Every structure is written in C-alpha cells, then in structure tokens.
C-alpha cells in the first residue's frame, strides 16, 4: 500500500477558507502616480526571482502625457 502524503493547504486570512498549496498564489496590487516609475523599478529589482506572488503595477499618468 502506498504511503500517500497529505497535501498542504493554505488558509485565507480574510475568509478562513482553505485551498490546496500550489494551486493558489497571492496577487499584489501596487499603484503609483506618474513619478512612481523609478520606485516600481527599484521594487522589482529588489524582489527575489521567485516570490510565489503575482504583481499588478498600475501607474497613473497625467491626461496630457
């Protein structure tokens, strides 16, 4: 008989729901004004290669830009 390992679960902080690990990942949303491009670059350069997270970067630009 095979020894089946239990699959680890992640628990949602907001709802308490559990999801199989490896099936979900955090999505991080970050916004900045028109001058925030350098900060975006600095942040991305400082992050490890594999964070296990998805990043959505939103930059507000002036309407005439």
Protein backbone atom coordinates (compact mmCIF):
# COMPACT_ATOMS: atom_id res chain seq x y z
CA UNK A 1 0.00 0.00 0.00
CA UNK A 2 1.38 3.39 -1.00
CA UNK A 3 2.02 5.96 1.70
CA UNK A 4 0.08 8.99 0.47
CA UNK A 5 1.36 12.30 1.75
CA UNK A 6 -1.21 14.85 2.77
CA UNK A 7 -1.23 17.86 0.50
CA UNK A 8 -0.54 21.08 2.43
CA UNK A 9 -3.24 23.72 2.46
CA UNK A 10 -3.19 27.49 2.57
CA UNK A 11 -5.75 29.30 4.69
CA UNK A 12 -7.29 32.59 3.57
CA UNK A 13 -6.71 35.32 6.13
CA UNK A 14 -9.93 37.06 5.09
CA UNK A 15 -12.39 34.16 4.89
CA UNK A 16 -10.70 31.26 6.65
CA UNK A 17 -11.26 29.08 3.55
CA UNK A 18 -8.58 26.52 2.77
CA UNK A 19 -7.04 25.89 -0.64
CA UNK A 20 -4.52 23.28 -1.77
CA UNK A 21 -0.99 24.74 -1.67
CA UNK A 22 0.47 25.26 -5.11
CA UNK A 23 -2.95 25.86 -6.65
CA UNK A 24 -3.29 29.46 -5.48
CA UNK A 25 -0.94 32.37 -5.01
CA UNK A 26 -1.21 35.91 -3.69
CA UNK A 27 -1.83 38.74 -6.12
CA UNK A 28 -0.22 42.02 -5.02
CA UNK A 29 -1.58 45.28 -6.43
CA UNK A 30 0.64 48.36 -6.29
CA UNK A 31 -0.26 51.82 -7.55
CA UNK A 32 1.83 54.92 -8.08
CA UNK A 33 1.50 58.37 -9.56
CA UNK A 34 3.34 59.49 -12.69
CA UNK A 35 6.58 59.86 -10.73
CA UNK A 36 6.47 56.31 -9.41
CA UNK A 37 8.17 54.51 -12.29
CA UNK A 38 11.57 54.60 -10.57
CA UNK A 39 10.04 53.19 -7.38
CA UNK A 40 8.45 50.35 -9.40
CA UNK A 41 11.85 49.56 -10.93
CA UNK A 42 13.57 49.64 -7.53
CA UNK A 43 10.94 47.34 -6.02
CA UNK A 44 11.12 44.80 -8.83
CA UNK A 45 14.93 44.82 -8.79
CA UNK A 46 14.94 44.11 -5.03
CA UNK A 47 12.49 41.18 -5.18
CA UNK A 48 13.78 37.62 -5.35
CA UNK A 49 13.37 35.85 -8.69
CA UNK A 50 10.59 33.57 -7.49
CA UNK A 51 8.33 35.22 -4.91
CA UNK A 52 5.36 32.93 -5.47
CA UNK A 53 3.27 36.06 -5.99
CA UNK A 54 1.77 37.87 -8.96
CA UNK A 55 2.23 41.62 -9.17
CA UNK A 56 -0.13 44.11 -10.80
CA UNK A 57 1.53 47.51 -11.22
CA UNK A 58 -0.75 50.45 -12.01
CA UNK A 59 0.68 53.85 -12.82
CA UNK A 60 -1.45 56.99 -13.01
CA UNK A 61 -0.37 59.31 -15.78
CA UNK A 62 -1.44 62.86 -16.44
CA UNK A 63 -4.15 63.07 -19.14
CA UNK A 64 -1.81 65.02 -21.43
CA UNK A 65 1.07 62.54 -21.03
